[in-house]
């Protein structure tokens, strides 16, 4: 083989080696009790304290918590969650969360107790 061909093959091999060892986006570890495929609400910030709610499907009701985590899996049209929440003394908010590891927000901690009323699985935010 000619020097050009050997040089080109060496360059391709070097690039493939770099790409093969490049780190992929890694998911955050599952929070306590929150298996992959679920969203979870916890009594304390940063997915700590008591697991208040865990669901792999749509949910509505009324629970109080201080953090939420979308541990869903990639599934077009049903891997993000739309969360309806507010405060004890009023206010209503609706926010979409990506699945872990993102890109985008997949968890949130609240400085005070939030009242969660509805979570719906959906497509992209």
PDB file of N, CA and C in Angstrom:
ATOM      1  N   UNK A   1       0.843  -1.177   0.000  1.00  0.00           N
ATOM      2  CA  UNK A   1       0.000   0.000   0.000  1.00  0.00           C
ATOM      3  C   UNK A   1       0.881   1.229   0.000  1.00  0.00           C
ATOM      4  N   UNK A   2       0.333   2.292  -0.555  1.00  0.00           N
ATOM      5  CA  UNK A   2       1.084   3.524  -0.603  1.00  0.00           C
ATOM      6  C   UNK A   2       1.088   4.236   0.740  1.00  0.00           C
ATOM      7  N   UNK A   3       2.026   5.178   0.883  1.00  0.00           N
ATOM      8  CA  UNK A   3       2.132   5.932   2.131  1.00  0.00           C
ATOM      9  C   UNK A   3       0.861   6.740   2.405  1.00  0.00           C
ATOM     10  N   UNK A   4       0.227   7.262   1.348  1.00  0.00           N
ATOM     11  CA  UNK A   4      -1.003   8.041   1.535  1.00  0.00           C
ATOM     12  C   UNK A   4      -2.119   7.176   2.107  1.00  0.00           C
ATOM     13  N   UNK A   5      -2.276   5.982   1.567  1.00  0.00           N
ATOM     14  CA  UNK A   5      -3.337   5.081   2.043  1.00  0.00           C
ATOM     15  C   UNK A   5      -3.075   4.692   3.491  1.00  0.00           C
ATOM     16  N   UNK A   6      -1.840   4.338   3.807  1.00  0.00           N
ATOM     17  CA  UNK A   6      -1.500   3.968   5.178  1.00  0.00           C
ATOM     18  C   UNK A   6      -1.714   5.144   6.138  1.00  0.00           C
ATOM     19  N   UNK A   7      -1.350   6.334   5.689  1.00  0.00           N
ATOM     20  CA  UNK A   7      -1.554   7.527   6.517  1.00  0.00           C
ATOM     21  C   UNK A   7      -3.027   7.784   6.763  1.00  0.00           C
ATOM     22  N   UNK A   8      -3.838   7.630   5.713  1.00  0.00           N
ATOM     23  CA  UNK A   8      -5.283   7.838   5.852  1.00  0.00           C
ATOM     24  C   UNK A   8      -5.888   6.801   6.789  1.00  0.00           C
ATOM     25  N   UNK A   9      -5.480   5.544   6.663  1.00  0.00           N
ATOM     26  CA  UNK A   9      -5.986   4.491   7.544  1.00  0.00           C
ATOM     27  C   UNK A   9      -5.589   4.760   8.993  1.00  0.00           C
ATOM     28  N   UNK A  10      -4.385   5.217   9.220  1.00  0.00           N
ATOM     29  CA  UNK A  10      -3.932   5.534  10.575  1.00  0.00           C
ATOM     30  C   UNK A  10      -4.753   6.674  11.169  1.00  0.00           C
ATOM     31  N   UNK A  11      -5.057   7.679  10.355  1.00  0.00           N
ATOM     32  CA  UNK A  11      -5.860   8.804  10.834  1.00  0.00           C
ATOM     33  C   UNK A  11      -7.264   8.349  11.199  1.00  0.00           C
ATOM     34  N   UNK A  12      -7.870   7.524  10.349  1.00  0.00           N
ATOM     35  CA  UNK A  12      -9.214   7.002  10.632  1.00  0.00           C
ATOM     36  C   UNK A  12      -9.205   6.185  11.913  1.00  0.00           C
ATOM     37  N   UNK A  13      -8.214   5.336  12.096  1.00  0.00           N
ATOM     38  CA  UNK A  13      -8.116   4.510  13.292  1.00  0.00           C
ATOM     39  C   UNK A  13      -7.954   5.375  14.539  1.00  0.00           C
ATOM     40  N   UNK A  14      -7.156   6.429  14.439  1.00  0.00           N
ATOM     41  CA  UNK A  14      -6.963   7.323  15.587  1.00  0.00           C
ATOM     42  C   UNK A  14      -8.259   8.024  15.963  1.00  0.00           C
ATOM     43  N   UNK A  15      -8.987   8.508  14.958  1.00  0.00           N
ATOM     44  CA  UNK A  15     -10.264   9.185  15.229  1.00  0.00           C
ATOM     45  C   UNK A  15     -11.257   8.211  15.825  1.00  0.00           C
ATOM     46  N   UNK A  16     -11.344   7.003  15.295  1.00  0.00           N
ATOM     47  CA  UNK A  16     -12.261   5.997  15.817  1.00  0.00           C
ATOM     48  C   UNK A  16     -11.914   5.656  17.266  1.00  0.00           C
ATOM     49  N   UNK A  17     -10.638   5.598  17.567  1.00  0.00           N
ATOM     50  CA  UNK A  17     -10.221   5.311  18.932  1.00  0.00           C
ATOM     51  C   UNK A  17     -10.634   6.396  19.902  1.00  0.00           C
ATOM     52  N   UNK A  18     -10.499   7.648  19.478  1.00  0.00           N
ATOM     53  CA  UNK A  18     -10.912   8.768  20.329  1.00  0.00           C
ATOM     54  C   UNK A  18     -12.418   8.758  20.519  1.00  0.00           C
ATOM     55  N   UNK A  19     -13.170   8.573  19.456  1.00  0.00           N
ATOM     56  CA  UNK A  19     -14.629   8.544  19.561  1.00  0.00           C
ATOM     57  C   UNK A  19     -15.103   7.367  20.394  1.00  0.00           C
ATOM     58  N   UNK A  20     -14.422   6.250  20.274  1.00  0.00           N
ATOM     59  CA  UNK A  20     -14.817   5.066  21.028  1.00  0.00           C
ATOM     60  C   UNK A  20     -14.595   5.217  22.517  1.00  0.00           C
ATOM     61  N   UNK A  21     -13.683   6.087  22.926  1.00  0.00           N
ATOM     62  CA  UNK A  21     -13.408   6.264  24.350  1.00  0.00           C
ATOM     63  C   UNK A  21     -14.001   7.550  24.906  1.00  0.00           C
ATOM     64  N   UNK A  22     -14.655   8.340  24.068  1.00  0.00           N
ATOM     65  CA  UNK A  22     -15.260   9.577  24.563  1.00  0.00           C
ATOM     66  C   UNK A  22     -16.410   9.243  25.496  1.00  0.00           C
ATOM     67  N   UNK A  23     -16.504   9.927  26.643  1.00  0.00           N
ATOM     68  CA  UNK A  23     -17.572   9.609  27.595  1.00  0.00           C
ATOM     69  C   UNK A  23     -18.933  10.039  27.054  1.00  0.00           C
ATOM     70  N   UNK A  24     -19.925   9.192  27.263  1.00  0.00           N
ATOM     71  CA  UNK A  24     -21.303   9.520  26.895  1.00  0.00           C
ATOM     72  C   UNK A  24     -21.939  10.239  28.074  1.00  0.00           C
ATOM     73  N   UNK A  25     -23.020  10.953  27.808  1.00  0.00           N
ATOM     74  CA  UNK A  25     -23.749  11.597  28.899  1.00  0.00           C
ATOM     75  C   UNK A  25     -24.236  10.502  29.828  1.00  0.00           C
ATOM     76  N   UNK A  26     -23.871  10.612  31.090  1.00  0.00           N
ATOM     77  CA  UNK A  26     -24.259   9.552  32.016  1.00  0.00           C
ATOM     78  C   UNK A  26     -25.414  10.011  32.890  1.00  0.00           C
ATOM     79  N   UNK A  27     -26.296   9.078  33.139  1.00  0.00           N
ATOM     80  CA  UNK A  27     -27.463   9.363  33.964  1.00  0.00           C
ATOM     81  C   UNK A  27     -27.050   9.474  35.424  1.00  0.00           C
ATOM     82  N   UNK A  28     -27.746  10.303  36.140  1.00  0.00           N
ATOM     83  CA  UNK A  28     -27.573  10.387  37.578  1.00  0.00           C
ATOM     84  C   UNK A  28     -28.083   9.070  38.173  1.00  0.00           C
ATOM     85  N   UNK A  29     -27.485   8.585  39.243  1.00  0.00           N
ATOM     86  CA  UNK A  29     -27.974   7.333  39.843  1.00  0.00           C
ATOM     87  C   UNK A  29     -29.448   7.460  40.249  1.00  0.00           C
ATOM     88  N   UNK A  30     -30.142   6.333  40.254  1.00  0.00           N
ATOM     89  CA  UNK A  30     -31.539   6.342  40.689  1.00  0.00           C
ATOM     90  C   UNK A  30     -31.626   6.854  42.115  1.00  0.00           C
ATOM     91  N   UNK A  31     -32.518   7.805  42.375  1.00  0.00           N
ATOM     92  CA  UNK A  31     -32.727   8.228  43.767  1.00  0.00           C
ATOM     93  C   UNK A  31     -33.316   7.064  44.563  1.00  0.00           C
ATOM     94  N   UNK A  32     -33.237   7.103  45.885  1.00  0.00           N
ATOM     95  CA  UNK A  32     -33.735   6.005  46.712  1.00  0.00           C
ATOM     96  C   UNK A  32     -35.199   5.648  46.388  1.00  0.00           C
ATOM     97  N   UNK A  33     -35.413   4.386  46.004  1.00  0.00           N
ATOM     98  CA  UNK A  33     -36.759   3.889  45.749  1.00  0.00           C
ATOM     99  C   UNK A  33     -37.360   4.260  44.411  1.00  0.00           C
ATOM    100  N   UNK A  34     -36.648   5.035  43.600  1.00  0.00           N
ATOM    101  CA  UNK A  34     -37.198   5.532  42.331  1.00  0.00           C
ATOM    102  C   UNK A  34     -36.570   4.777  41.166  1.00  0.00           C
ATOM    103  N   UNK A  35     -37.177   3.649  40.820  1.00  0.00           N
ATOM    104  CA  UNK A  35     -36.670   2.822  39.727  1.00  0.00           C
ATOM    105  C   UNK A  35     -36.776   3.558  38.405  1.00  0.00           C
ATOM    106  N   UNK A  36     -35.924   3.172  37.454  1.00  0.00           N
ATOM    107  CA  UNK A  36     -35.959   3.733  36.102  1.00  0.00           C
ATOM    108  C   UNK A  36     -37.352   3.502  35.514  1.00  0.00           C
ATOM    109  N   UNK A  37     -37.893   4.515  34.852  1.00  0.00           N
ATOM    110  CA  UNK A  37     -39.226   4.429  34.259  1.00  0.00           C
ATOM    111  C   UNK A  37     -40.300   5.110  35.085  1.00  0.00           C
ATOM    112  N   UNK A  38     -39.937   5.673  36.227  1.00  0.00           N
ATOM    113  CA  UNK A  38     -40.889   6.334  37.128  1.00  0.00           C
ATOM    114  C   UNK A  38     -40.541   7.796  37.324  1.00  0.00           C
ATOM    115  N   UNK A  39     -41.515   8.569  37.778  1.00  0.00           N
ATOM    116  CA  UNK A  39     -41.221   9.867  38.369  1.00  0.00           C
ATOM    117  C   UNK A  39     -41.489   9.706  39.850  1.00  0.00           C
ATOM    118  N   UNK A  40     -40.766  10.473  40.663  1.00  0.00           N
ATOM    119  CA  UNK A  40     -40.889  10.330  42.111  1.00  0.00           C
ATOM    120  C   UNK A  40     -40.917  11.695  42.784  1.00  0.00           C
ATOM    121  N   UNK A  41     -41.674  11.768  43.867  1.00  0.00           N
ATOM    122  CA  UNK A  41     -41.749  12.972  44.697  1.00  0.00           C
ATOM    123  C   UNK A  41     -41.282  12.582  46.101  1.00  0.00           C
ATOM    124  N   UNK A  42     -40.427  13.427  46.671  1.00  0.00           N
ATOM    125  CA  UNK A  42     -39.843  13.167  47.980  1.00  0.00           C
ATOM    126  C   UNK A  42     -40.232  14.246  48.984  1.00  0.00           C
ATOM    127  N   UNK A  43     -40.186  13.873  50.268  1.00  0.00           N
ATOM    128  CA  UNK A  43     -40.577  14.797  51.335  1.00  0.00           C
ATOM    129  C   UNK A  43     -39.535  15.879  51.602  1.00  0.00           C
ATOM    130  N   UNK A  44     -38.289  15.639  51.168  1.00  0.00           N
ATOM    131  CA  UNK A  44     -37.215  16.601  51.411  1.00  0.00           C
ATOM    132  C   UNK A  44     -36.539  16.997  50.105  1.00  0.00           C
ATOM    133  N   UNK A  45     -35.747  18.061  50.149  1.00  0.00           N
ATOM    134  CA  UNK A  45     -35.013  18.536  48.985  1.00  0.00           C
ATOM    135  C   UNK A  45     -33.982  17.505  48.546  1.00  0.00           C
ATOM    136  N   UNK A  46     -33.578  17.561  47.272  1.00  0.00           N
ATOM    137  CA  UNK A  46     -32.514  16.726  46.701  1.00  0.00           C
ATOM    138  C   UNK A  46     -32.835  15.231  46.771  1.00  0.00           C
ATOM    139  N   UNK A  47     -34.118  14.880  46.598  1.00  0.00           N
ATOM    140  CA  UNK A  47     -34.565  13.486  46.596  1.00  0.00           C
ATOM    141  C   UNK A  47     -34.181  12.759  47.884  1.00  0.00           C
ATOM    142  N   UNK A  48     -34.324  13.437  48.985  1.00  0.00           N
ATOM    143  CA  UNK A  48     -34.044  12.840  50.288  1.00  0.00           C
ATOM    144  C   UNK A  48     -35.329  12.776  51.094  1.00  0.00           C
ATOM    145  N   UNK A  49     -35.250  12.139  52.235  1.00  0.00           N
ATOM    146  CA  UNK A  49     -36.431  11.981  53.078  1.00  0.00           C
ATOM    147  C   UNK A  49     -37.300  10.833  52.585  1.00  0.00           C
ATOM    148  N   UNK A  50     -38.563  10.923  52.884  1.00  0.00           N
ATOM    149  CA  UNK A  50     -39.522   9.875  52.547  1.00  0.00           C
ATOM    150  C   UNK A  50     -39.950   9.961  51.093  1.00  0.00           C
ATOM    151  N   UNK A  51     -40.071   8.815  50.424  1.00  0.00           N
ATOM    152  CA  UNK A  51     -40.621   8.750  49.071  1.00  0.00           C
ATOM    153  C   UNK A  51     -42.132   8.922  49.210  1.00  0.00           C
ATOM    154  N   UNK A  52     -42.654  10.044  48.721  1.00  0.00           N
ATOM    155  CA  UNK A  52     -44.071  10.382  48.863  1.00  0.00           C
ATOM    156  C   UNK A  52     -44.906   9.756  47.755  1.00  0.00           C
ATOM    157  N   UNK A  53     -44.358   9.734  46.532  1.00  0.00           N
ATOM    158  CA  UNK A  53     -45.102   9.220  45.391  1.00  0.00           C
ATOM    159  C   UNK A  53     -44.134   8.673  44.360  1.00  0.00           C
ATOM    160  N   UNK A  54     -44.474   7.507  43.793  1.00  0.00           N
ATOM    161  CA  UNK A  54     -43.710   6.914  42.695  1.00  0.00           C
ATOM    162  C   UNK A  54     -44.731   6.402  41.696  1.00  0.00           C
ATOM    163  N   UNK A  55     -44.563   6.778  40.406  1.00  0.00           N
ATOM    164  CA  UNK A  55     -45.523   6.333  39.397  1.00  0.00           C
ATOM    165  C   UNK A  55     -44.859   6.214  38.032  1.00  0.00           C
ATOM    166  N   UNK A  56     -45.243   5.169  37.294  1.00  0.00           N
ATOM    167  CA  UNK A  56     -44.794   4.985  35.919  1.00  0.00           C
ATOM    168  C   UNK A  56     -45.869   5.451  34.945  1.00  0.00           C
ATOM    169  N   UNK A  57     -47.008   5.885  35.458  1.00  0.00           N
ATOM    170  CA  UNK A  57     -48.103   6.346  34.612  1.00  0.00           C
ATOM    171  C   UNK A  57     -48.551   7.739  35.005  1.00  0.00           C
ATOM    172  N   UNK A  58     -49.538   8.267  34.296  1.00  0.00           N
ATOM    173  CA  UNK A  58     -50.101   9.568  34.645  1.00  0.00           C
ATOM    174  C   UNK A  58     -50.694   9.486  36.043  1.00  0.00           C
ATOM    175  N   UNK A  59     -50.696  10.610  36.746  1.00  0.00           N
ATOM    176  CA  UNK A  59     -51.187  10.639  38.117  1.00  0.00           C
ATOM    177  C   UNK A  59     -51.904  11.958  38.362  1.00  0.00           C
ATOM    178  N   UNK A  60     -52.946  11.918  39.192  1.00  0.00           N
ATOM    179  CA  UNK A  60     -53.566  13.146  39.696  1.00  0.00           C
ATOM    180  C   UNK A  60     -54.042  12.875  41.113  1.00  0.00           C
ATOM    181  N   UNK A  61     -54.055  13.900  41.902  1.00  0.00           N
ATOM    182  CA  UNK A  61     -54.418  13.793  43.312  1.00  0.00           C
ATOM    183  C   UNK A  61     -53.886  15.011  44.042  1.00  0.00           C
ATOM    184  N   UNK A  62     -53.380  14.799  45.242  1.00  0.00           N
ATOM    185  CA  UNK A  62     -52.818  15.904  46.028  1.00  0.00           C
ATOM    186  C   UNK A  62     -51.797  15.322  47.006  1.00  0.00           C
ATOM    187  N   UNK A  63     -50.516  15.625  46.772  1.00  0.00           N
ATOM    188  CA  UNK A  63     -49.457  15.249  47.702  1.00  0.00           C
ATOM    189  C   UNK A  63     -48.541  16.448  47.909  1.00  0.00           C
ATOM    190  N   UNK A  64     -47.947  16.473  49.072  1.00  0.00           N
ATOM    191  CA  UNK A  64     -47.019  17.549  49.414  1.00  0.00           C
ATOM    192  C   UNK A  64     -45.605  16.988  49.424  1.00  0.00           C
ATOM    193  N   UNK A  65     -44.665  17.729  48.863  1.00  0.00           N
ATOM    194  CA  UNK A  65     -43.283  17.299  48.847  1.00  0.00           C
ATOM    195  C   UNK A  65     -42.348  18.461  48.594  1.00  0.00           C
ATOM    196  N   UNK A  66     -41.037  18.162  48.634  1.00  0.00           N
ATOM    197  CA  UNK A  66     -40.043  19.218  48.445  1.00  0.00           C
ATOM    198  C   UNK A  66     -39.077  18.947  47.300  1.00  0.00           C
ATOM    199  N   UNK A  67     -39.262  17.809  46.599  1.00  0.00           N
ATOM    200  CA  UNK A  67     -38.458  17.568  45.396  1.00  0.00           C
ATOM    201  C   UNK A  67     -39.156  16.563  44.493  1.00  0.00           C
ATOM    202  N   UNK A  68     -38.859  16.695  43.188  1.00  0.00           N
ATOM    203  CA  UNK A  68     -39.405  15.789  42.187  1.00  0.00           C
ATOM    204  C   UNK A  68     -38.271  15.371  41.265  1.00  0.00           C
ATOM    205  N   UNK A  69     -38.359  14.138  40.755  1.00  0.00           N
ATOM    206  CA  UNK A  69     -37.306  13.583  39.900  1.00  0.00           C
ATOM    207  C   UNK A  69     -37.962  12.773  38.795  1.00  0.00           C
ATOM    208  N   UNK A  70     -37.643  13.078  37.535  1.00  0.00           N
ATOM    209  CA  UNK A  70     -38.146  12.297  36.407  1.00  0.00           C
ATOM    210  C   UNK A  70     -37.091  11.263  36.045  1.00  0.00           C
ATOM    211  N   UNK A  71     -37.329  10.022  36.424  1.00  0.00           N
ATOM    212  CA  UNK A  71     -36.404   8.933  36.139  1.00  0.00           C
ATOM    213  C   UNK A  71     -36.928   8.084  34.977  1.00  0.00           C
ATOM    214  N   UNK A  72     -37.640   8.755  34.052  1.00  0.00           N
ATOM    215  CA  UNK A  72     -38.196   8.070  32.886  1.00  0.00           C
ATOM    216  C   UNK A  72     -37.112   7.554  31.957  1.00  0.00           C
ATOM    217  N   UNK A  73     -37.542   6.800  30.974  1.00  0.00           N
ATOM    218  CA  UNK A  73     -36.630   6.254  29.975  1.00  0.00           C
ATOM    219  C   UNK A  73     -36.966   6.838  28.609  1.00  0.00           C
ATOM    220  N   UNK A  74     -36.009   6.893  27.687  1.00  0.00           N
ATOM    221  CA  UNK A  74     -36.284   7.435  26.357  1.00  0.00           C
ATOM    222  C   UNK A  74     -37.415   6.659  25.672  1.00  0.00           C
ATOM    223  N   UNK A  75     -38.491   7.357  25.361  1.00  0.00           N
ATOM    224  CA  UNK A  75     -39.634   6.773  24.669  1.00  0.00           C
ATOM    225  C   UNK A  75     -40.378   7.915  23.997  1.00  0.00           C
ATOM    226  N   UNK A  76     -40.167   8.115  22.700  1.00  0.00           N
ATOM    227  CA  UNK A  76     -40.761   9.272  22.014  1.00  0.00           C
ATOM    228  C   UNK A  76     -42.248   9.454  22.306  1.00  0.00           C
ATOM    229  N   UNK A  77     -42.569  10.655  22.740  1.00  0.00           N
ATOM    230  CA  UNK A  77     -43.954  11.005  23.039  1.00  0.00           C
ATOM    231  C   UNK A  77     -44.374  10.768  24.475  1.00  0.00           C
ATOM    232  N   UNK A  78     -43.557  10.034  25.252  1.00  0.00           N
ATOM    233  CA  UNK A  78     -43.948   9.706  26.631  1.00  0.00           C
ATOM    234  C   UNK A  78     -42.754   9.586  27.567  1.00  0.00           C
ATOM    235  N   UNK A  79     -41.768  10.490  27.456  1.00  0.00           N
ATOM    236  CA  UNK A  79     -40.623  10.389  28.342  1.00  0.00           C
ATOM    237  C   UNK A  79     -40.354  11.656  29.151  1.00  0.00           C
ATOM    238  N   UNK A  80     -41.090  12.704  28.878  1.00  0.00           N
ATOM    239  CA  UNK A  80     -41.029  13.925  29.668  1.00  0.00           C
ATOM    240  C   UNK A  80     -42.286  13.950  30.540  1.00  0.00           C
ATOM    241  N   UNK A  81     -42.254  14.734  31.607  1.00  0.00           N
ATOM    242  CA  UNK A  81     -43.452  14.855  32.436  1.00  0.00           C
ATOM    243  C   UNK A  81     -43.876  16.311  32.545  1.00  0.00           C
ATOM    244  N   UNK A  82     -45.173  16.540  32.482  1.00  0.00           N
ATOM    245  CA  UNK A  82     -45.760  17.854  32.722  1.00  0.00           C
ATOM    246  C   UNK A  82     -46.291  17.828  34.146  1.00  0.00           C
ATOM    247  N   UNK A  83     -45.765  18.692  34.995  1.00  0.00           N
ATOM    248  CA  UNK A  83     -46.090  18.689  36.421  1.00  0.00           C
ATOM    249  C   UNK A  83     -46.921  19.922  36.762  1.00  0.00           C
ATOM    250  N   UNK A  84     -48.044  19.686  37.419  1.00  0.00           N
ATOM    251  CA  UNK A  84     -48.899  20.763  37.932  1.00  0.00           C
ATOM    252  C   UNK A  84     -48.661  20.841  39.435  1.00  0.00           C
ATOM    253  N   UNK A  85     -48.324  22.031  39.934  1.00  0.00           N
ATOM    254  CA  UNK A  85     -48.039  22.183  41.348  1.00  0.00           C
ATOM    255  C   UNK A  85     -48.325  23.607  41.798  1.00  0.00           C
ATOM    256  N   UNK A  86     -48.359  23.808  43.092  1.00  0.00           N
ATOM    257  CA  UNK A  86     -48.573  25.135  43.659  1.00  0.00           C
ATOM    258  C   UNK A  86     -48.116  25.145  45.107  1.00  0.00           C
ATOM    259  N   UNK A  87     -48.526  26.186  45.818  1.00  0.00           N
ATOM    260  CA  UNK A  87     -48.179  26.341  47.236  1.00  0.00           C
ATOM    261  C   UNK A  87     -49.449  26.213  48.073  1.00  0.00           C
ATOM    262  N   UNK A  88     -49.288  25.888  49.338  1.00  0.00           N
ATOM    263  CA  UNK A  88     -50.440  25.763  50.248  1.00  0.00           C
ATOM    264  C   UNK A  88     -51.285  27.033  50.256  1.00  0.00           C
ATOM    265  N   UNK A  89     -50.644  28.191  50.192  1.00  0.00           N
ATOM    266  CA  UNK A  89     -51.375  29.459  50.273  1.00  0.00           C
ATOM    267  C   UNK A  89     -51.753  30.023  48.903  1.00  0.00           C
ATOM    268  N   UNK A  90     -51.637  29.209  47.852  1.00  0.00           N
ATOM    269  CA  UNK A  90     -52.083  29.655  46.538  1.00  0.00           C
ATOM    270  C   UNK A  90     -50.990  29.597  45.485  1.00  0.00           C
ATOM    271  N   UNK A  91     -51.402  29.925  44.286  1.00  0.00           N
ATOM    272  CA  UNK A  91     -50.493  29.876  43.145  1.00  0.00           C
ATOM    273  C   UNK A  91     -50.614  28.544  42.435  1.00  0.00           C
ATOM    274  N   UNK A  92     -50.500  28.578  41.127  1.00  0.00           N
ATOM    275  CA  UNK A  92     -50.558  27.349  40.327  1.00  0.00           C
ATOM    276  C   UNK A  92     -49.504  27.442  39.241  1.00  0.00           C
ATOM    277  N   UNK A  93     -48.732  26.377  39.096  1.00  0.00           N
ATOM    278  CA  UNK A  93     -47.655  26.361  38.128  1.00  0.00           C
ATOM    279  C   UNK A  93     -47.699  25.060  37.334  1.00  0.00           C
ATOM    280  N   UNK A  94     -47.219  25.131  36.109  1.00  0.00           N
ATOM    281  CA  UNK A  94     -47.126  23.960  35.257  1.00  0.00           C
ATOM    282  C   UNK A  94     -45.746  23.984  34.617  1.00  0.00           C
ATOM    283  N   UNK A  95     -45.030  22.877  34.727  1.00  0.00           N
ATOM    284  CA  UNK A  95     -43.666  22.845  34.220  1.00  0.00           C
ATOM    285  C   UNK A  95     -43.356  21.471  33.639  1.00  0.00           C
ATOM    286  N   UNK A  96     -42.558  21.460  32.578  1.00  0.00           N
ATOM    287  CA  UNK A  96     -42.162  20.222  31.925  1.00  0.00           C
ATOM    288  C   UNK A  96     -40.747  19.843  32.357  1.00  0.00           C
ATOM    289  N   UNK A  97     -40.532  18.561  32.637  1.00  0.00           N
ATOM    290  CA  UNK A  97     -39.232  18.044  33.033  1.00  0.00           C
ATOM    291  C   UNK A  97     -38.805  16.942  32.073  1.00  0.00           C
ATOM    292  N   UNK A  98     -37.562  17.022  31.617  1.00  0.00           N
ATOM    293  CA  UNK A  98     -36.949  16.007  30.763  1.00  0.00           C
ATOM    294  C   UNK A  98     -36.694  14.759  31.607  1.00  0.00           C
ATOM    295  N   UNK A  99     -36.335  13.651  30.979  1.00  0.00           N
ATOM    296  CA  UNK A  99     -35.955  12.461  31.744  1.00  0.00           C
ATOM    297  C   UNK A  99     -34.466  12.514  32.054  1.00  0.00           C
ATOM    298  N   UNK A 100     -34.062  11.871  33.126  1.00  0.00           N
ATOM    299  CA  UNK A 100     -32.676  11.762  33.548  1.00  0.00           C
ATOM    300  C   UNK A 100     -31.889  11.002  32.488  1.00  0.00           C
ATOM    301  N   UNK A 101     -30.819  11.531  31.912  1.00  0.00           N
ATOM    302  CA  UNK A 101     -29.916  12.569  32.370  1.00  0.00           C
ATOM    303  C   UNK A 101     -30.055  13.916  31.658  1.00  0.00           C
ATOM    304  N   UNK A 102     -31.105  14.200  31.017  1.00  0.00           N
ATOM    305  CA  UNK A 102     -31.220  15.450  30.294  1.00  0.00           C
ATOM    306  C   UNK A 102     -30.872  15.260  28.830  1.00  0.00           C
ATOM    307  N   UNK A 103     -30.675  16.243  28.031  1.00  0.00           N
ATOM    308  CA  UNK A 103     -30.408  17.621  28.435  1.00  0.00           C
ATOM    309  C   UNK A 103     -31.674  18.279  28.978  1.00  0.00           C
ATOM    310  N   UNK A 104     -31.462  19.252  29.764  1.00  0.00           N
ATOM    311  CA  UNK A 104     -32.583  19.955  30.368  1.00  0.00           C
ATOM    312  C   UNK A 104     -32.805  19.502  31.800  1.00  0.00           C
ATOM    313  N   UNK A 105     -33.728  20.169  32.432  1.00  0.00           N
ATOM    314  CA  UNK A 105     -34.024  19.925  33.840  1.00  0.00           C
ATOM    315  C   UNK A 105     -34.824  18.639  34.007  1.00  0.00           C
ATOM    316  N   UNK A 106     -34.367  17.734  34.861  1.00  0.00           N
ATOM    317  CA  UNK A 106     -35.080  16.489  35.127  1.00  0.00           C
ATOM    318  C   UNK A 106     -35.418  16.334  36.609  1.00  0.00           C
ATOM    319  N   UNK A 107     -34.998  17.284  37.424  1.00  0.00           N
ATOM    320  CA  UNK A 107     -35.362  17.260  38.842  1.00  0.00           C
ATOM    321  C   UNK A 107     -35.460  18.695  39.355  1.00  0.00           C
ATOM    322  N   UNK A 108     -36.111  18.830  40.482  1.00  0.00           N
ATOM    323  CA  UNK A 108     -36.250  20.163  41.086  1.00  0.00           C
ATOM    324  C   UNK A 108     -36.443  19.998  42.583  1.00  0.00           C
ATOM    325  N   UNK A 109     -35.799  20.851  43.333  1.00  0.00           N
ATOM    326  CA  UNK A 109     -36.016  20.929  44.774  1.00  0.00           C
ATOM    327  C   UNK A 109     -36.729  22.229  45.075  1.00  0.00           C
ATOM    328  N   UNK A 110     -37.583  22.190  46.067  1.00  0.00           N
ATOM    329  CA  UNK A 110     -38.381  23.342  46.463  1.00  0.00           C
ATOM    330  C   UNK A 110     -38.008  23.723  47.893  1.00  0.00           C
ATOM    331  N   UNK A 111     -37.815  25.016  48.139  1.00  0.00           N
ATOM    332  CA  UNK A 111     -37.435  25.497  49.460  1.00  0.00           C
ATOM    333  C   UNK A 111     -38.523  25.338  50.502  1.00  0.00           C
ATOM    334  N   UNK A 112     -39.753  25.234  50.064  1.00  0.00           N
ATOM    335  CA  UNK A 112     -40.898  25.020  50.956  1.00  0.00           C
ATOM    336  C   UNK A 112     -41.736  23.901  50.352  1.00  0.00           C
ATOM    337  N   UNK A 113     -42.666  23.386  51.128  1.00  0.00           N
ATOM    338  CA  UNK A 113     -43.518  22.315  50.621  1.00  0.00           C
ATOM    339  C   UNK A 113     -44.324  22.785  49.420  1.00  0.00           C
ATOM    340  N   UNK A 114     -44.235  22.014  48.349  1.00  0.00           N
ATOM    341  CA  UNK A 114     -45.051  22.250  47.163  1.00  0.00           C
ATOM    342  C   UNK A 114     -46.194  21.240  47.192  1.00  0.00           C
ATOM    343  N   UNK A 115     -47.335  21.643  46.639  1.00  0.00           N
ATOM    344  CA  UNK A 115     -48.486  20.754  46.547  1.00  0.00           C
ATOM    345  C   UNK A 115     -48.587  20.306  45.091  1.00  0.00           C
ATOM    346  N   UNK A 116     -48.358  19.028  44.856  1.00  0.00           N
ATOM    347  CA  UNK A 116     -48.421  18.457  43.513  1.00  0.00           C
ATOM    348  C   UNK A 116     -49.829  17.921  43.275  1.00  0.00           C
ATOM    349  N   UNK A 117     -50.395  18.265  42.113  1.00  0.00           N
ATOM    350  CA  UNK A 117     -51.775  17.854  41.837  1.00  0.00           C
ATOM    351  C   UNK A 117     -51.925  17.006  40.576  1.00  0.00           C
ATOM    352  N   UNK A 118     -50.957  17.069  39.664  1.00  0.00           N
ATOM    353  CA  UNK A 118     -51.098  16.301  38.444  1.00  0.00           C
ATOM    354  C   UNK A 118     -49.736  16.133  37.770  1.00  0.00           C
ATOM    355  N   UNK A 119     -49.485  14.926  37.261  1.00  0.00           N
ATOM    356  CA  UNK A 119     -48.292  14.654  36.473  1.00  0.00           C
ATOM    357  C   UNK A 119     -48.726  13.840  35.262  1.00  0.00           C
ATOM    358  N   UNK A 120     -48.346  14.319  34.074  1.00  0.00           N
ATOM    359  CA  UNK A 120     -48.732  13.671  32.834  1.00  0.00           C
ATOM    360  C   UNK A 120     -47.494  13.411  31.993  1.00  0.00           C
ATOM    361  N   UNK A 121     -47.350  12.162  31.535  1.00  0.00           N
ATOM    362  CA  UNK A 121     -46.240  11.828  30.636  1.00  0.00           C
ATOM    363  C   UNK A 121     -46.535  12.438  29.279  1.00  0.00           C
ATOM    364  N   UNK A 122     -45.509  12.968  28.618  1.00  0.00           N
ATOM    365  CA  UNK A 122     -45.676  13.657  27.344  1.00  0.00           C
ATOM    366  C   UNK A 122     -44.408  13.581  26.511  1.00  0.00           C
ATOM    367  N   UNK A 123     -44.443  14.211  25.349  1.00  0.00           N
ATOM    368  CA  UNK A 123     -43.271  14.301  24.480  1.00  0.00           C
ATOM    369  C   UNK A 123     -42.400  15.477  24.874  1.00  0.00           C
ATOM    370  N   UNK A 124     -41.543  15.874  23.962  1.00  0.00           N
ATOM    371  CA  UNK A 124     -40.573  16.946  24.219  1.00  0.00           C
ATOM    372  C   UNK A 124     -41.219  18.194  24.830  1.00  0.00           C
ATOM    373  N   UNK A 125     -40.442  18.846  25.682  1.00  0.00           N
ATOM    374  CA  UNK A 125     -40.896  20.095  26.323  1.00  0.00           C
ATOM    375  C   UNK A 125     -40.827  21.241  25.336  1.00  0.00           C
TER     376      UNK A 125
END
